[in-house]
C-alpha atoms as a PDB file:
ATOM      1  CA  UNK A   1      10.840  25.530   1.863  1.00  0.00           C
ATOM      2  CA  UNK A   2       9.668  23.085   4.505  1.00  0.00           C
ATOM      3  CA  UNK A   3       8.302  20.239   2.384  1.00  0.00           C
ATOM      4  CA  UNK A   4       8.117  16.484   2.838  1.00  0.00           C
ATOM      5  CA  UNK A   5       7.475  13.420   0.735  1.00  0.00           C
ATOM      6  CA  UNK A   6       4.168  11.914  -0.294  1.00  0.00           C
ATOM      7  CA  UNK A   7       2.159   8.729   0.242  1.00  0.00           C
ATOM      8  CA  UNK A   8       0.900   6.421  -2.495  1.00  0.00           C
ATOM      9  CA  UNK A   9      -1.532   3.792  -1.223  1.00  0.00           C
ATOM     10  CA  UNK A  10      -2.197   0.701  -3.355  1.00  0.00           C
ATOM     11  CA  UNK A  11      -4.993  -1.688  -2.415  1.00  0.00           C
ATOM     12  CA  UNK A  12      -6.781  -4.504  -4.167  1.00  0.00           C
ATOM     13  CA  UNK A  13      -7.543  -8.220  -4.043  1.00  0.00           C
ATOM     14  CA  UNK A  14      -4.788 -10.711  -3.337  1.00  0.00           C
ATOM     15  CA  UNK A  15      -3.587 -11.961  -6.733  1.00  0.00           C
ATOM     16  CA  UNK A  16      -4.364  -8.758  -8.646  1.00  0.00           C
ATOM     17  CA  UNK A  17      -0.668  -8.069  -9.260  1.00  0.00           C
ATOM     18  CA  UNK A  18       0.155  -5.437  -6.639  1.00  0.00           C
ATOM     19  CA  UNK A  19       3.586  -6.862  -5.801  1.00  0.00           C
ATOM     20  CA  UNK A  20       4.666  -7.017  -9.463  1.00  0.00           C
ATOM     21  CA  UNK A  21       3.502  -3.445 -10.090  1.00  0.00           C
ATOM     22  CA  UNK A  22       5.232  -2.139  -6.967  1.00  0.00           C
ATOM     23  CA  UNK A  23       8.532  -3.800  -7.920  1.00  0.00           C
ATOM     24  CA  UNK A  24       8.490  -1.906 -11.218  1.00  0.00           C
ATOM     25  CA  UNK A  25       7.537   1.401  -9.583  1.00  0.00           C
ATOM     26  CA  UNK A  26      10.502   1.083  -7.224  1.00  0.00           C
ATOM     27  CA  UNK A  27      12.817   0.422 -10.182  1.00  0.00           C
ATOM     28  CA  UNK A  28      11.574   3.280 -12.333  1.00  0.00           C
ATOM     29  CA  UNK A  29      10.879   6.084  -9.839  1.00  0.00           C
ATOM     30  CA  UNK A  30      14.121   7.358  -8.237  1.00  0.00           C
ATOM     31  CA  UNK A  31      12.686   8.702  -4.974  1.00  0.00           C
ATOM     32  CA  UNK A  32      10.213   5.847  -4.383  1.00  0.00           C
ATOM     33  CA  UNK A  33      10.468   3.716  -1.250  1.00  0.00           C
ATOM     34  CA  UNK A  34       8.362   0.786  -0.097  1.00  0.00           C
ATOM     35  CA  UNK A  35       6.799   0.733   3.349  1.00  0.00           C
ATOM     36  CA  UNK A  36       7.492  -2.765   4.721  1.00  0.00           C
ATOM     37  CA  UNK A  37       4.416  -3.847   6.677  1.00  0.00           C
ATOM     38  CA  UNK A  38       4.403  -5.890   9.869  1.00  0.00           C
ATOM     39  CA  UNK A  39       2.382  -9.112   9.765  1.00  0.00           C
ATOM     40  CA  UNK A  40       1.528 -12.157  11.841  1.00  0.00           C
ATOM     41  CA  UNK A  41       1.020 -14.461   8.847  1.00  0.00           C
ATOM     42  CA  UNK A  42       3.455 -17.255   8.032  1.00  0.00           C
ATOM     43  CA  UNK A  43       6.384 -16.477   5.762  1.00  0.00           C
ATOM     44  CA  UNK A  44       5.962 -17.808   2.216  1.00  0.00           C
ATOM     45  CA  UNK A  45       8.734 -19.513   0.293  1.00  0.00           C
ATOM     46  CA  UNK A  46      11.237 -16.947  -0.980  1.00  0.00           C
ATOM     47  CA  UNK A  47      10.093 -14.154   1.335  1.00  0.00           C
ATOM     48  CA  UNK A  48      12.672 -12.340   3.442  1.00  0.00           C
ATOM     49  CA  UNK A  49      12.013 -10.850   6.877  1.00  0.00           C
ATOM     50  CA  UNK A  50      12.481  -7.078   6.745  1.00  0.00           C
ATOM     51  CA  UNK A  51      12.215  -7.007   2.943  1.00  0.00           C
ATOM     52  CA  UNK A  52       8.774  -8.412   2.138  1.00  0.00           C
ATOM     53  CA  UNK A  53       7.331  -8.036   5.647  1.00  0.00           C
ATOM     54  CA  UNK A  54       8.385  -7.754   9.256  1.00  0.00           C
ATOM     55  CA  UNK A  55       7.160 -11.108  10.565  1.00  0.00           C
ATOM     56  CA  UNK A  56       6.023 -11.182  14.215  1.00  0.00           C
ATOM     57  CA  UNK A  57       3.719 -13.266  16.419  1.00  0.00           C
ATOM     58  CA  UNK A  58       0.225 -12.119  17.407  1.00  0.00           C
ATOM     59  CA  UNK A  59       1.244 -11.317  20.978  1.00  0.00           C
ATOM     60  CA  UNK A  60       3.936  -8.889  19.767  1.00  0.00           C
ATOM     61  CA  UNK A  61       1.571  -7.324  17.225  1.00  0.00           C
ATOM     62  CA  UNK A  62      -1.161  -6.710  19.798  1.00  0.00           C
ATOM     63  CA  UNK A  63       1.404  -5.122  22.103  1.00  0.00           C
ATOM     64  CA  UNK A  64       2.416  -2.738  19.309  1.00  0.00           C
ATOM     65  CA  UNK A  65      -1.266  -1.816  18.819  1.00  0.00           C
ATOM     66  CA  UNK A  66      -1.466  -0.890  22.522  1.00  0.00           C
ATOM     67  CA  UNK A  67       1.700   1.207  22.217  1.00  0.00           C
ATOM     68  CA  UNK A  68       0.318   3.131  19.213  1.00  0.00           C
ATOM     69  CA  UNK A  69       3.133   1.980  16.940  1.00  0.00           C
ATOM     70  CA  UNK A  70       0.979   1.665  13.819  1.00  0.00           C
ATOM     71  CA  UNK A  71      -0.290   4.339  11.446  1.00  0.00           C
ATOM     72  CA  UNK A  72      -2.900   1.769  10.408  1.00  0.00           C
ATOM     73  CA  UNK A  73      -3.563  -1.908  10.987  1.00  0.00           C
ATOM     74  CA  UNK A  74      -6.100  -4.540   9.952  1.00  0.00           C
ATOM     75  CA  UNK A  75      -7.088  -8.161  10.505  1.00  0.00           C
ATOM     76  CA  UNK A  76      -7.146  -9.920   7.119  1.00  0.00           C
ATOM     77  CA  UNK A  77      -7.917 -13.643   6.706  1.00  0.00           C
ATOM     78  CA  UNK A  78      -7.216 -14.130  10.420  1.00  0.00           C
ATOM     79  CA  UNK A  79      -3.788 -12.479  10.265  1.00  0.00           C
ATOM     80  CA  UNK A  80      -2.810  -8.978  11.367  1.00  0.00           C
ATOM     81  CA  UNK A  81      -1.091  -6.437   9.100  1.00  0.00           C
ATOM     82  CA  UNK A  82       0.160  -2.998  10.120  1.00  0.00           C
ATOM     83  CA  UNK A  83       2.166   0.024   8.939  1.00  0.00           C
ATOM     84  CA  UNK A  84       4.878   1.438  11.214  1.00  0.00           C
ATOM     85  CA  UNK A  85       4.287   5.128  11.939  1.00  0.00           C
ATOM     86  CA  UNK A  86       7.958   5.713  12.791  1.00  0.00           C
ATOM     87  CA  UNK A  87       9.098   4.196   9.485  1.00  0.00           C
ATOM     88  CA  UNK A  88       6.657   6.335   7.466  1.00  0.00           C
ATOM     89  CA  UNK A  89       7.688   9.579   9.191  1.00  0.00           C
ATOM     90  CA  UNK A  90      11.385   8.852   8.551  1.00  0.00           C
ATOM     91  CA  UNK A  91      10.851   8.226   4.823  1.00  0.00           C
ATOM     92  CA  UNK A  92       8.599  11.277   4.420  1.00  0.00           C
ATOM     93  CA  UNK A  93      11.233  13.434   6.146  1.00  0.00           C
ATOM     94  CA  UNK A  94      13.705  12.181   3.519  1.00  0.00           C
ATOM     95  CA  UNK A  95      11.362  13.398   0.760  1.00  0.00           C
ATOM     96  CA  UNK A  96      10.432   9.922  -0.450  1.00  0.00           C
ATOM     97  CA  UNK A  97       7.382   8.815  -2.376  1.00  0.00           C
ATOM     98  CA  UNK A  98       6.313   6.180   0.137  1.00  0.00           C
ATOM     99  CA  UNK A  99       4.395   3.281  -1.431  1.00  0.00           C
ATOM    100  CA  UNK A 100       2.043   1.337   0.822  1.00  0.00           C
ATOM    101  CA  UNK A 101       0.428  -1.986  -0.079  1.00  0.00           C
ATOM    102  CA  UNK A 102      -2.453  -2.119   2.391  1.00  0.00           C
ATOM    103  CA  UNK A 103      -5.890  -3.653   2.779  1.00  0.00           C
ATOM    104  CA  UNK A 104      -9.071  -1.590   2.403  1.00  0.00           C
ATOM    105  CA  UNK A 105      -9.578  -1.705   6.197  1.00  0.00           C
ATOM    106  CA  UNK A 106      -6.160  -0.167   6.726  1.00  0.00           C
ATOM    107  CA  UNK A 107      -6.772   2.460   4.065  1.00  0.00           C
ATOM    108  CA  UNK A 108      -9.976   3.584   5.777  1.00  0.00           C
ATOM    109  CA  UNK A 109      -7.956   4.223   8.957  1.00  0.00           C
ATOM    110  CA  UNK A 110      -5.099   5.928   7.115  1.00  0.00           C
ATOM    111  CA  UNK A 111      -7.470   8.107   5.078  1.00  0.00           C
ATOM    112  CA  UNK A 112      -8.715   9.783   8.254  1.00  0.00           C
ATOM    113  CA  UNK A 113      -5.168  10.591   9.388  1.00  0.00           C
ATOM    114  CA  UNK A 114      -3.452  11.459   6.082  1.00  0.00           C
ATOM    115  CA  UNK A 115      -5.943  13.153   3.767  1.00  0.00           C
ATOM    116  CA  UNK A 116      -3.223  14.088   1.234  1.00  0.00           C
ATOM    117  CA  UNK A 117      -2.406  10.448   0.381  1.00  0.00           C
ATOM    118  CA  UNK A 118      -2.882   9.382  -3.241  1.00  0.00           C
ATOM    119  CA  UNK A 119      -4.869   6.143  -3.437  1.00  0.00           C
ATOM    120  CA  UNK A 120      -5.217   3.483  -6.130  1.00  0.00           C
ATOM    121  CA  UNK A 121      -7.393   0.375  -6.235  1.00  0.00           C
ATOM    122  CA  UNK A 122      -5.806  -2.293  -8.439  1.00  0.00           C
ATOM    123  CA  UNK A 123      -7.895  -5.247  -9.583  1.00  0.00           C
ATOM    124  CA  UNK A 124      -8.415  -7.801 -12.336  1.00  0.00           C
ATOM    125  CA  UNK A 125     -11.048  -7.456 -15.082  1.00  0.00           C
ATOM    126  CA  UNK A 126     -13.360  -9.976 -13.372  1.00  0.00           C
ATOM    127  CA  UNK A 127     -13.649 -12.641 -10.671  1.00  0.00           C
ATOM    128  CA  UNK A 128     -12.739 -15.551 -12.969  1.00  0.00           C
ATOM    129  CA  UNK A 129      -9.477 -13.872 -13.942  1.00  0.00           C
ATOM    130  CA  UNK A 130      -8.572 -13.367 -10.285  1.00  0.00           C
ATOM    131  CA  UNK A 131      -9.360 -17.014  -9.494  1.00  0.00           C
ATOM    132  CA  UNK A 132      -7.151 -18.177 -12.372  1.00  0.00           C
ATOM    133  CA  UNK A 133      -4.246 -16.071 -11.072  1.00  0.00           C
ATOM    134  CA  UNK A 134      -4.638 -17.392  -7.544  1.00  0.00           C
ATOM    135  CA  UNK A 135      -4.666 -20.989  -8.826  1.00  0.00           C
ATOM    136  CA  UNK A 136      -1.564 -20.417 -10.967  1.00  0.00           C
ATOM    137  CA  UNK A 137       0.257 -18.940  -7.968  1.00  0.00           C
ATOM    138  CA  UNK A 138       0.037 -22.362  -6.256  1.00  0.00           C
ATOM    139  CA  UNK A 139       0.649 -20.861  -2.804  1.00  0.00           C
ATOM    140  CA  UNK A 140      -2.810 -21.356  -1.250  1.00  0.00           C
ATOM    141  CA  UNK A 141      -5.166 -24.253  -0.604  1.00  0.00           C
ATOM    142  CA  UNK A 142      -8.524 -24.374  -2.426  1.00  0.00           C
ATOM    143  CA  UNK A 143     -10.216 -23.312   0.809  1.00  0.00           C
ATOM    144  CA  UNK A 144      -7.939 -20.272   1.139  1.00  0.00           C
ATOM    145  CA  UNK A 145      -8.492 -19.317  -2.504  1.00  0.00           C
ATOM    146  CA  UNK A 146     -12.256 -19.343  -1.949  1.00  0.00           C
ATOM    147  CA  UNK A 147     -11.756 -17.222   1.165  1.00  0.00           C
ATOM    148  CA  UNK A 148      -9.657 -14.738  -0.821  1.00  0.00           C
ATOM    149  CA  UNK A 149     -12.339 -14.548  -3.529  1.00  0.00           C
ATOM    150  CA  UNK A 150     -15.034 -13.900  -0.914  1.00  0.00           C
ATOM    151  CA  UNK A 151     -12.874 -11.164   0.600  1.00  0.00           C
ATOM    152  CA  UNK A 152     -12.230  -9.697  -2.873  1.00  0.00           C
ATOM    153  CA  UNK A 153     -15.985  -9.292  -3.411  1.00  0.00           C
ATOM    154  CA  UNK A 154     -16.164  -7.221  -0.220  1.00  0.00           C
ATOM    155  CA  UNK A 155     -13.073  -5.183  -1.182  1.00  0.00           C
ATOM    156  CA  UNK A 156     -14.642  -4.277  -4.526  1.00  0.00           C
ATOM    157  CA  UNK A 157     -17.368  -2.333  -2.702  1.00  0.00           C
ATOM    158  CA  UNK A 158     -14.701   0.130  -1.509  1.00  0.00           C
ATOM    159  CA  UNK A 159     -13.541   1.187  -4.985  1.00  0.00           C
ATOM    160  CA  UNK A 160     -15.340   4.545  -4.856  1.00  0.00           C
ATOM    161  CA  UNK A 161     -13.316   5.474  -1.767  1.00  0.00           C
ATOM    162  CA  UNK A 162     -10.120   5.525  -3.851  1.00  0.00           C
ATOM    163  CA  UNK A 163      -8.962   8.296  -6.164  1.00  0.00           C
ATOM    164  CA  UNK A 164      -7.921   5.961  -9.003  1.00  0.00           C
ATOM    165  CA  UNK A 165      -8.991   2.563 -10.334  1.00  0.00           C
ATOM    166  CA  UNK A 166      -6.502   0.536 -12.407  1.00  0.00           C
ATOM    167  CA  UNK A 167      -7.623  -2.719 -14.041  1.00  0.00           C
ATOM    168  CA  UNK A 168      -4.679  -5.078 -14.448  1.00  0.00           C
ATOM    169  CA  UNK A 169      -5.806  -6.918 -17.578  1.00  0.00           C
ATOM    170  CA  UNK A 170      -2.652  -6.175 -19.579  1.00  0.00           C
ATOM    171  CA  UNK A 171       0.387  -5.720 -17.312  1.00  0.00           C
ATOM    172  CA  UNK A 172       2.207  -3.185 -19.504  1.00  0.00           C
ATOM    173  CA  UNK A 173      -0.883  -0.982 -19.762  1.00  0.00           C
ATOM    174  CA  UNK A 174      -1.578  -1.207 -16.036  1.00  0.00           C
ATOM    175  CA  UNK A 175       2.063  -0.393 -15.235  1.00  0.00           C
ATOM    176  CA  UNK A 176       2.018   2.648 -17.536  1.00  0.00           C
ATOM    177  CA  UNK A 177      -1.085   3.941 -15.769  1.00  0.00           C
ATOM    178  CA  UNK A 178       0.453   3.316 -12.350  1.00  0.00           C
ATOM    179  CA  UNK A 179       3.674   5.098 -13.337  1.00  0.00           C
ATOM    180  CA  UNK A 180       1.695   8.185 -14.381  1.00  0.00           C
ATOM    181  CA  UNK A 181      -0.196   8.174 -11.080  1.00  0.00           C
ATOM    182  CA  UNK A 182       2.968   7.590  -9.028  1.00  0.00           C
ATOM    183  CA  UNK A 183       4.897  10.391 -10.755  1.00  0.00           C
ATOM    184  CA  UNK A 184       2.037  12.811 -10.167  1.00  0.00           C
ATOM    185  CA  UNK A 185       1.882  11.747  -6.505  1.00  0.00           C
ATOM    186  CA  UNK A 186       5.646  12.179  -6.185  1.00  0.00           C
ATOM    187  CA  UNK A 187       5.286  15.848  -7.119  1.00  0.00           C
ATOM    188  CA  UNK A 188       2.520  16.373  -4.548  1.00  0.00           C
ATOM    189  CA  UNK A 189       4.676  16.967  -1.478  1.00  0.00           C
ATOM    190  CA  UNK A 190       3.107  18.076   1.785  1.00  0.00           C
ATOM    191  CA  UNK A 191       4.130  21.589   2.890  1.00  0.00           C
ATOM    192  CA  UNK A 192       4.145  21.416   6.675  1.00  0.00           C
ATOM    193  CA  UNK A 193       4.615  25.136   7.374  1.00  0.00           C
ATOM    194  CA  UNK A 194       2.632  27.180   4.861  1.00  0.00           C
ATOM    195  CA  UNK A 195       3.370  30.549   6.500  1.00  0.00           C
ATOM    196  CA  UNK A 196       7.114  29.938   6.347  1.00  0.00           C
ATOM    197  CA  UNK A 197       6.864  28.814   2.720  1.00  0.00           C
ATOM    198  CA  UNK A 198       5.047  32.036   1.775  1.00  0.00           C
ATOM    199  CA  UNK A 199       7.577  34.141   3.658  1.00  0.00           C
ATOM    200  CA  UNK A 200      10.536  32.401   2.019  1.00  0.00           C
ATOM    201  CA  UNK A 201       8.927  32.625  -1.423  1.00  0.00           C
ATOM    202  CA  UNK A 202       8.401  36.399  -1.130  1.00  0.00           C
ATOM    203  CA  UNK A 203      11.974  36.933   0.081  1.00  0.00           C
ATOM    204  CA  UNK A 204      13.594  34.824  -2.648  1.00  0.00           C
END
């Protein structure tokens, strides 16, 4: 059987809890792997290059766009983010459930190329809750928080483009829902050679 792994795309406003959810998915799903994005934004305190992101300058990023290195990329809050095509192919070949944390712009690009991807939009119950979380995070200026909230309002209009919506009001409930979605996605491998699969199945 010629089968590969699967893609699980998670999008949503900054501050909705994507990173916390993904950490738990990676702990609890044996074949899960995280796709480390490339970005031009500044490294935050505690972040590690190659673990949280691959940090590069804008010149290098734009060169990679020209070379067709990215499966998808987007400009978010003035910074570029992209997903390495080579990295994704390698993990899929290993039969992994590849988890991507990408912006709605990036998902729109990816959706055209990988129609079998499972997609989830993760958000808070309302705008005030998101603002409170961003303030408690203490990693952005007031101006940046307002910019993130404005961007979140735009992102919300894309919800219908995703297969699932998870509202992260209670973390345990949201995680349970995400685990169910991720396990279902993990079993949805992509068969790359249908004719060979049929032939092998009949012969077995």
